Amino acid sequence: MAYQQSSVQAYRRTSVKTATQGRVIVMLYEEAIKQIDIALDGIRSENRKLDAINNAVIKAQSIVTELMVSLDLEKGGEIAGNLFRLYMYFNERLMEGNVKKTSGPLEEIRSLMAGLRDAWKQIETTSAGSRPSGSGLNIAG
């Protein structure tokens, strides 16, 4: 069992280390959405495990914070600034949903993140098809 877990962890580390910047962003969005789904399942269940809901929302907030700090506000210009403000809003709404243990704010952010994830997937696909192999995606925002 421990061997299987360490193999999975090694695979995940390698996947992240070898991914393009665009793919890493998509992976971050996917994990944040997964954590929000865990929190929503906890809120909707009859035996609400408050600690599990809290932990999932905090993980989602940590991912949003990671997305925020990865923005290059100088090179990214208006787009980066808008994403920064959006991520701030995401964290505020996630905190509200966590404190009140209500699904509304979490569902809203989940929906917005899914839209952004899909946009980044589109960018990643377009960039991968038009760039020579080995060149990374430079994301300033």
N, C-alpha and C. Protein backbone atom coordinates (compact mmCIF):
# COMPACT_ATOMS: atom_id res chain seq x y z
N MET A 1 0.82 -1.19 0.00
CA MET A 1 0.00 0.00 0.00
C MET A 1 0.87 1.26 0.00
N ALA A 2 1.90 1.27 0.85
CA ALA A 2 2.79 2.43 0.91
C ALA A 2 3.54 2.61 -0.40
N TYR A 3 3.91 1.49 -1.02
CA TYR A 3 4.61 1.55 -2.30
C TYR A 3 3.71 2.18 -3.36
N GLN A 4 2.44 1.78 -3.36
CA GLN A 4 1.50 2.31 -4.35
C GLN A 4 1.31 3.81 -4.15
N GLN A 5 1.19 4.26 -2.90
CA GLN A 5 1.02 5.67 -2.63
C GLN A 5 2.26 6.47 -3.05
N SER A 6 3.45 5.95 -2.76
CA SER A 6 4.65 6.68 -3.14
C SER A 6 4.80 6.72 -4.66
N SER A 7 4.36 5.68 -5.36
CA SER A 7 4.40 5.68 -6.82
C SER A 7 3.46 6.74 -7.38
N VAL A 8 2.28 6.84 -6.82
CA VAL A 8 1.31 7.84 -7.27
C VAL A 8 1.85 9.24 -7.00
N GLN A 9 2.44 9.45 -5.84
CA GLN A 9 3.01 10.76 -5.51
C GLN A 9 4.16 11.11 -6.45
N ALA A 10 4.99 10.14 -6.77
CA ALA A 10 6.11 10.38 -7.69
C ALA A 10 5.58 10.72 -9.08
N TYR A 11 4.54 10.03 -9.51
CA TYR A 11 3.94 10.32 -10.81
C TYR A 11 3.39 11.74 -10.84
N ARG A 12 2.70 12.14 -9.79
CA ARG A 12 2.13 13.49 -9.73
C ARG A 12 3.23 14.55 -9.75
N ARG A 13 4.30 14.33 -8.99
CA ARG A 13 5.41 15.29 -8.99
C ARG A 13 6.01 15.42 -10.38
N THR A 14 6.22 14.30 -11.05
CA THR A 14 6.78 14.32 -12.39
C THR A 14 5.84 15.01 -13.36
N SER A 15 4.53 14.76 -13.23
CA SER A 15 3.55 15.40 -14.11
C SER A 15 3.61 16.91 -13.99
N VAL A 16 3.73 17.40 -12.77
CA VAL A 16 3.78 18.84 -12.55
C VAL A 16 5.10 19.41 -13.05
N LYS A 17 6.21 18.74 -12.77
CA LYS A 17 7.53 19.24 -13.17
C LYS A 17 7.71 19.30 -14.68
N THR A 18 7.05 18.39 -15.41
CA THR A 18 7.24 18.34 -16.85
C THR A 18 6.12 19.05 -17.62
N ALA A 19 5.13 19.57 -16.92
CA ALA A 19 4.00 20.22 -17.59
C ALA A 19 4.36 21.64 -18.03
N THR A 20 3.69 22.09 -19.07
CA THR A 20 3.84 23.49 -19.48
C THR A 20 3.17 24.37 -18.43
N GLN A 21 3.49 25.65 -18.47
CA GLN A 21 2.86 26.57 -17.51
C GLN A 21 1.35 26.56 -17.67
N GLY A 22 0.88 26.51 -18.89
CA GLY A 22 -0.57 26.48 -19.14
C GLY A 22 -1.20 25.25 -18.54
N ARG A 23 -0.54 24.11 -18.66
CA ARG A 23 -1.07 22.86 -18.09
C ARG A 23 -1.09 22.93 -16.57
N VAL A 24 -0.08 23.52 -15.98
CA VAL A 24 -0.04 23.65 -14.51
C VAL A 24 -1.22 24.50 -14.04
N ILE A 25 -1.52 25.57 -14.75
CA ILE A 25 -2.66 26.41 -14.38
C ILE A 25 -3.96 25.62 -14.47
N VAL A 26 -4.12 24.84 -15.53
CA VAL A 26 -5.32 24.01 -15.66
C VAL A 26 -5.39 23.02 -14.50
N MET A 27 -4.26 22.42 -14.15
CA MET A 27 -4.23 21.47 -13.04
C MET A 27 -4.62 22.14 -11.72
N LEU A 28 -4.17 23.37 -11.52
CA LEU A 28 -4.53 24.10 -10.30
C LEU A 28 -6.03 24.37 -10.26
N TYR A 29 -6.58 24.81 -11.38
CA TYR A 29 -8.04 25.02 -11.42
C TYR A 29 -8.79 23.72 -11.15
N GLU A 30 -8.34 22.64 -11.75
CA GLU A 30 -9.02 21.36 -11.56
C GLU A 30 -8.99 20.92 -10.10
N GLU A 31 -7.86 21.11 -9.45
CA GLU A 31 -7.76 20.72 -8.04
C GLU A 31 -8.62 21.63 -7.16
N ALA A 32 -8.66 22.91 -7.45
CA ALA A 32 -9.50 23.83 -6.67
C ALA A 32 -10.97 23.44 -6.83
N ILE A 33 -11.38 23.13 -8.04
CA ILE A 33 -12.77 22.71 -8.29
C ILE A 33 -13.06 21.42 -7.54
N LYS A 34 -12.12 20.50 -7.55
CA LYS A 34 -12.28 19.23 -6.82
C LYS A 34 -12.48 19.50 -5.32
N GLN A 35 -11.68 20.40 -4.76
CA GLN A 35 -11.81 20.71 -3.34
C GLN A 35 -13.15 21.40 -3.03
N ILE A 36 -13.59 22.26 -3.92
CA ILE A 36 -14.90 22.91 -3.72
C ILE A 36 -16.00 21.85 -3.78
N ASP A 37 -15.88 20.90 -4.69
CA ASP A 37 -16.86 19.81 -4.77
C ASP A 37 -16.89 19.00 -3.47
N ILE A 38 -15.74 18.75 -2.90
CA ILE A 38 -15.68 18.02 -1.62
C ILE A 38 -16.41 18.82 -0.54
N ALA A 39 -16.16 20.12 -0.49
CA ALA A 39 -16.83 20.97 0.50
C ALA A 39 -18.34 20.99 0.27
N LEU A 40 -18.75 21.11 -0.99
CA LEU A 40 -20.18 21.12 -1.30
C LEU A 40 -20.84 19.81 -0.91
N ASP A 41 -20.18 18.69 -1.18
CA ASP A 41 -20.72 17.39 -0.77
C ASP A 41 -20.89 17.33 0.74
N GLY A 42 -19.92 17.88 1.46
CA GLY A 42 -19.99 17.90 2.91
C GLY A 42 -21.13 18.77 3.43
N ILE A 43 -21.34 19.91 2.79
CA ILE A 43 -22.42 20.81 3.20
C ILE A 43 -23.78 20.16 2.94
N ARG A 44 -23.89 19.45 1.84
CA ARG A 44 -25.17 18.85 1.46
C ARG A 44 -25.48 17.55 2.18
N SER A 45 -24.49 16.93 2.80
CA SER A 45 -24.72 15.63 3.45
C SER A 45 -25.44 15.82 4.78
N GLU A 46 -26.10 14.76 5.20
CA GLU A 46 -26.85 14.81 6.46
C GLU A 46 -25.92 14.92 7.66
N ASN A 47 -24.82 14.21 7.64
CA ASN A 47 -23.86 14.27 8.75
C ASN A 47 -22.69 15.16 8.36
N ARG A 48 -22.95 16.44 8.36
CA ARG A 48 -21.96 17.43 7.93
C ARG A 48 -20.71 17.35 8.80
N LYS A 49 -19.62 17.03 8.16
CA LYS A 49 -18.33 16.99 8.86
C LYS A 49 -17.67 18.35 8.65
N LEU A 50 -17.83 19.20 9.64
CA LEU A 50 -17.39 20.58 9.50
C LEU A 50 -15.89 20.70 9.26
N ASP A 51 -15.11 19.82 9.88
CA ASP A 51 -13.66 19.90 9.68
C ASP A 51 -13.28 19.53 8.24
N ALA A 52 -13.97 18.57 7.65
CA ALA A 52 -13.68 18.19 6.26
C ALA A 52 -14.07 19.31 5.29
N ILE A 53 -15.21 19.96 5.56
CA ILE A 53 -15.64 21.10 4.74
C ILE A 53 -14.60 22.21 4.84
N ASN A 54 -14.22 22.53 6.06
CA ASN A 54 -13.24 23.58 6.31
C ASN A 54 -11.92 23.29 5.60
N ASN A 55 -11.43 22.08 5.74
CA ASN A 55 -10.15 21.71 5.12
C ASN A 55 -10.21 21.82 3.60
N ALA A 56 -11.31 21.39 3.01
CA ALA A 56 -11.43 21.45 1.54
C ALA A 56 -11.47 22.90 1.07
N VAL A 57 -12.20 23.75 1.77
CA VAL A 57 -12.27 25.16 1.35
C VAL A 57 -10.92 25.84 1.53
N ILE A 58 -10.23 25.53 2.61
CA ILE A 58 -8.90 26.12 2.82
C ILE A 58 -7.94 25.68 1.72
N LYS A 59 -8.02 24.43 1.30
CA LYS A 59 -7.17 23.97 0.19
C LYS A 59 -7.50 24.73 -1.09
N ALA A 60 -8.79 24.94 -1.35
CA ALA A 60 -9.20 25.70 -2.55
C ALA A 60 -8.68 27.14 -2.46
N GLN A 61 -8.76 27.74 -1.27
CA GLN A 61 -8.25 29.10 -1.08
C GLN A 61 -6.73 29.14 -1.29
N SER A 62 -6.03 28.14 -0.84
CA SER A 62 -4.58 28.09 -1.02
C SER A 62 -4.23 28.04 -2.50
N ILE A 63 -5.01 27.30 -3.27
CA ILE A 63 -4.76 27.21 -4.71
C ILE A 63 -5.02 28.56 -5.36
N VAL A 64 -6.12 29.21 -4.98
CA VAL A 64 -6.43 30.53 -5.54
C VAL A 64 -5.31 31.51 -5.19
N THR A 65 -4.81 31.44 -3.97
CA THR A 65 -3.70 32.30 -3.56
C THR A 65 -2.46 32.02 -4.40
N GLU A 66 -2.20 30.75 -4.68
CA GLU A 66 -1.06 30.39 -5.53
C GLU A 66 -1.23 30.98 -6.93
N LEU A 67 -2.45 30.93 -7.45
CA LEU A 67 -2.71 31.54 -8.76
C LEU A 67 -2.46 33.05 -8.70
N MET A 68 -2.84 33.68 -7.60
CA MET A 68 -2.64 35.12 -7.43
C MET A 68 -1.16 35.49 -7.44
N VAL A 69 -0.38 34.78 -6.65
CA VAL A 69 1.03 35.15 -6.53
C VAL A 69 1.83 34.79 -7.78
N SER A 70 1.27 33.95 -8.63
CA SER A 70 1.99 33.60 -9.86
C SER A 70 1.77 34.63 -10.96
N LEU A 71 0.87 35.57 -10.75
CA LEU A 71 0.61 36.59 -11.77
C LEU A 71 1.79 37.55 -11.85
N ASP A 72 2.14 37.92 -13.06
CA ASP A 72 3.15 38.95 -13.28
C ASP A 72 2.39 40.22 -13.63
N LEU A 73 2.18 41.07 -12.64
CA LEU A 73 1.36 42.26 -12.83
C LEU A 73 2.00 43.28 -13.76
N GLU A 74 3.33 43.26 -13.86
CA GLU A 74 4.00 44.20 -14.78
C GLU A 74 3.84 43.76 -16.23
N LYS A 75 4.16 42.51 -16.51
CA LYS A 75 4.06 42.03 -17.89
C LYS A 75 2.63 41.73 -18.30
N GLY A 76 1.81 41.34 -17.34
CA GLY A 76 0.45 40.94 -17.64
C GLY A 76 -0.52 42.07 -17.84
N GLY A 77 -0.14 43.26 -17.39
CA GLY A 77 -0.96 44.44 -17.59
C GLY A 77 -2.37 44.32 -17.05
N GLU A 78 -3.32 44.77 -17.84
CA GLU A 78 -4.71 44.83 -17.42
C GLU A 78 -5.29 43.45 -17.13
N ILE A 79 -4.92 42.46 -17.95
CA ILE A 79 -5.44 41.10 -17.75
C ILE A 79 -5.00 40.56 -16.40
N ALA A 80 -3.73 40.72 -16.08
CA ALA A 80 -3.22 40.23 -14.80
C ALA A 80 -3.90 40.95 -13.64
N GLY A 81 -4.08 42.26 -13.77
CA GLY A 81 -4.76 43.02 -12.72
C GLY A 81 -6.19 42.56 -12.52
N ASN A 82 -6.88 42.29 -13.62
CA ASN A 82 -8.25 41.81 -13.52
C ASN A 82 -8.31 40.42 -12.89
N LEU A 83 -7.38 39.55 -13.27
CA LEU A 83 -7.33 38.22 -12.65
C LEU A 83 -7.03 38.33 -11.16
N PHE A 84 -6.13 39.23 -10.79
CA PHE A 84 -5.80 39.41 -9.38
C PHE A 84 -7.06 39.79 -8.59
N ARG A 85 -7.82 40.75 -9.10
CA ARG A 85 -9.05 41.17 -8.42
C ARG A 85 -10.08 40.04 -8.38
N LEU A 86 -10.15 39.28 -9.45
CA LEU A 86 -11.07 38.15 -9.48
C LEU A 86 -10.68 37.10 -8.45
N TYR A 87 -9.39 36.81 -8.36
CA TYR A 87 -8.93 35.84 -7.37
C TYR A 87 -9.19 36.33 -5.95
N MET A 88 -9.05 37.63 -5.71
CA MET A 88 -9.39 38.20 -4.39
C MET A 88 -10.86 37.94 -4.09
N TYR A 89 -11.70 38.17 -5.07
CA TYR A 89 -13.13 37.93 -4.91
C TYR A 89 -13.39 36.45 -4.63
N PHE A 90 -12.72 35.56 -5.37
CA PHE A 90 -12.86 34.13 -5.14
C PHE A 90 -12.58 33.79 -3.68
N ASN A 91 -11.46 34.29 -3.16
CA ASN A 91 -11.09 33.97 -1.78
C ASN A 91 -12.10 34.54 -0.78
N GLU A 92 -12.62 35.74 -1.04
CA GLU A 92 -13.64 36.31 -0.15
C GLU A 92 -14.89 35.44 -0.12
N ARG A 93 -15.36 35.01 -1.29
CA ARG A 93 -16.57 34.19 -1.37
C ARG A 93 -16.34 32.80 -0.79
N LEU A 94 -15.16 32.23 -1.02
CA LEU A 94 -14.85 30.94 -0.42
C LEU A 94 -14.85 31.04 1.10
N MET A 95 -14.28 32.13 1.61
CA MET A 95 -14.27 32.32 3.06
C MET A 95 -15.71 32.45 3.59
N GLU A 96 -16.53 33.20 2.88
CA GLU A 96 -17.92 33.37 3.30
C GLU A 96 -18.65 32.02 3.33
N GLY A 97 -18.48 31.24 2.28
CA GLY A 97 -19.12 29.92 2.25
C GLY A 97 -18.62 29.01 3.35
N ASN A 98 -17.34 29.13 3.68
CA ASN A 98 -16.76 28.31 4.74
C ASN A 98 -17.28 28.72 6.11
N VAL A 99 -17.30 30.01 6.37
CA VAL A 99 -17.75 30.49 7.68
C VAL A 99 -19.22 30.17 7.91
N LYS A 100 -20.04 30.41 6.89
CA LYS A 100 -21.48 30.20 7.02
C LYS A 100 -21.91 28.77 6.71
N LYS A 101 -21.00 27.99 6.15
CA LYS A 101 -21.28 26.62 5.72
C LYS A 101 -22.51 26.57 4.81
N THR A 102 -22.52 27.50 3.83
CA THR A 102 -23.59 27.55 2.84
C THR A 102 -23.01 27.27 1.46
N SER A 103 -23.84 26.69 0.62
CA SER A 103 -23.36 26.26 -0.69
C SER A 103 -23.33 27.37 -1.73
N GLY A 104 -24.15 28.40 -1.60
CA GLY A 104 -24.25 29.44 -2.62
C GLY A 104 -22.93 30.04 -3.06
N PRO A 105 -22.14 30.58 -2.14
CA PRO A 105 -20.86 31.17 -2.54
C PRO A 105 -19.91 30.15 -3.17
N LEU A 106 -19.93 28.93 -2.67
CA LEU A 106 -19.04 27.90 -3.21
C LEU A 106 -19.46 27.50 -4.61
N GLU A 107 -20.78 27.38 -4.84
CA GLU A 107 -21.27 27.05 -6.18
C GLU A 107 -20.91 28.15 -7.18
N GLU A 108 -21.04 29.40 -6.74
CA GLU A 108 -20.70 30.53 -7.61
C GLU A 108 -19.24 30.47 -8.03
N ILE A 109 -18.35 30.27 -7.08
CA ILE A 109 -16.92 30.26 -7.39
C ILE A 109 -16.56 29.02 -8.20
N ARG A 110 -17.19 27.91 -7.91
CA ARG A 110 -16.95 26.69 -8.68
C ARG A 110 -17.28 26.94 -10.16
N SER A 111 -18.41 27.57 -10.39
CA SER A 111 -18.83 27.85 -11.76
C SER A 111 -17.85 28.80 -12.47
N LEU A 112 -17.43 29.85 -11.78
CA LEU A 112 -16.48 30.80 -12.37
C LEU A 112 -15.14 30.13 -12.65
N MET A 113 -14.70 29.29 -11.72
CA MET A 113 -13.41 28.60 -11.91
C MET A 113 -13.49 27.60 -13.06
N ALA A 114 -14.63 26.94 -13.21
CA ALA A 114 -14.79 26.00 -14.31
C ALA A 114 -14.71 26.73 -15.65
N GLY A 115 -15.29 27.93 -15.72
CA GLY A 115 -15.20 28.72 -16.94
C GLY A 115 -13.77 29.13 -17.25
N LEU A 116 -13.05 29.56 -16.23
CA LEU A 116 -11.65 29.95 -16.42
C LEU A 116 -10.79 28.74 -16.78
N ARG A 117 -11.05 27.61 -16.14
CA ARG A 117 -10.30 26.38 -16.47
C ARG A 117 -10.50 26.03 -17.94
N ASP A 118 -11.74 26.12 -18.39
CA ASP A 118 -12.02 25.79 -19.80
C ASP A 118 -11.31 26.75 -20.74
N ALA A 119 -11.27 28.03 -20.36
CA ALA A 119 -10.55 29.01 -21.18
C ALA A 119 -9.06 28.69 -21.24
N TRP A 120 -8.47 28.34 -20.10
CA TRP A 120 -7.05 27.99 -20.07
C TRP A 120 -6.79 26.71 -20.87
N LYS A 121 -7.72 25.75 -20.82
CA LYS A 121 -7.57 24.54 -21.64
C LYS A 121 -7.52 24.90 -23.11
N GLN A 122 -8.39 25.83 -23.50
CA GLN A 122 -8.42 26.27 -24.89
C GLN A 122 -7.10 26.94 -25.27
N ILE A 123 -6.60 27.80 -24.39
CA ILE A 123 -5.32 28.48 -24.63
C ILE A 123 -4.19 27.45 -24.73
N GLU A 124 -4.21 26.50 -23.81
CA GLU A 124 -3.17 25.47 -23.79
C GLU A 124 -3.19 24.66 -25.08
N THR A 125 -4.37 24.27 -25.52
CA THR A 125 -4.51 23.48 -26.74
C THR A 125 -4.05 24.27 -27.95
N THR A 126 -4.47 25.52 -28.03
CA THR A 126 -4.08 26.38 -29.15
C THR A 126 -2.58 26.61 -29.16
N SER A 127 -2.02 26.90 -28.00
CA SER A 127 -0.58 27.16 -27.90
C SER A 127 0.24 25.93 -28.22
N ALA A 128 -0.22 24.77 -27.76
CA ALA A 128 0.52 23.53 -28.01
C ALA A 128 0.55 23.21 -29.50
N GLY A 129 -0.53 23.51 -30.20
CA GLY A 129 -0.58 23.21 -31.63
C GLY A 129 0.21 24.17 -32.49
N SER A 130 0.48 25.37 -31.96
CA SER A 130 1.16 26.38 -32.79
C SER A 130 2.60 26.61 -32.40
N ARG A 131 3.08 25.96 -31.36
CA ARG A 131 4.45 26.18 -30.89
C ARG A 131 5.29 24.94 -31.17
N PRO A 132 6.56 25.17 -31.44
CA PRO A 132 7.43 24.02 -31.58
C PRO A 132 7.58 23.29 -30.25
N SER A 133 7.84 22.04 -30.31
CA SER A 133 8.02 21.22 -29.12
C SER A 133 9.14 21.79 -28.24
N GLY A 134 8.91 21.78 -26.93
CA GLY A 134 9.92 22.22 -26.00
C GLY A 134 9.82 23.68 -25.62
N SER A 135 9.02 24.47 -26.34
CA SER A 135 8.89 25.87 -25.95
C SER A 135 7.71 26.02 -25.01
N GLY A 136 7.92 26.68 -23.91
CA GLY A 136 6.88 26.83 -22.91
C GLY A 136 5.94 27.96 -23.22
N LEU A 137 4.86 28.00 -22.53
CA LEU A 137 3.87 29.04 -22.65
C LEU A 137 4.20 30.13 -21.65
N ASN A 138 4.40 31.34 -22.11
CA ASN A 138 4.73 32.44 -21.21
C ASN A 138 3.44 33.11 -20.78
N ILE A 139 3.07 32.91 -19.52
CA ILE A 139 1.83 33.49 -19.03
C ILE A 139 2.15 34.64 -18.12
N ALA A 140 1.76 35.79 -18.53
CA ALA A 140 1.98 36.97 -17.72
C ALA A 140 0.72 37.32 -16.96
N GLY A 141 -0.37 36.71 -17.24
CA GLY A 141 -1.60 37.04 -16.55
C GLY A 141 -2.52 35.96 -16.52
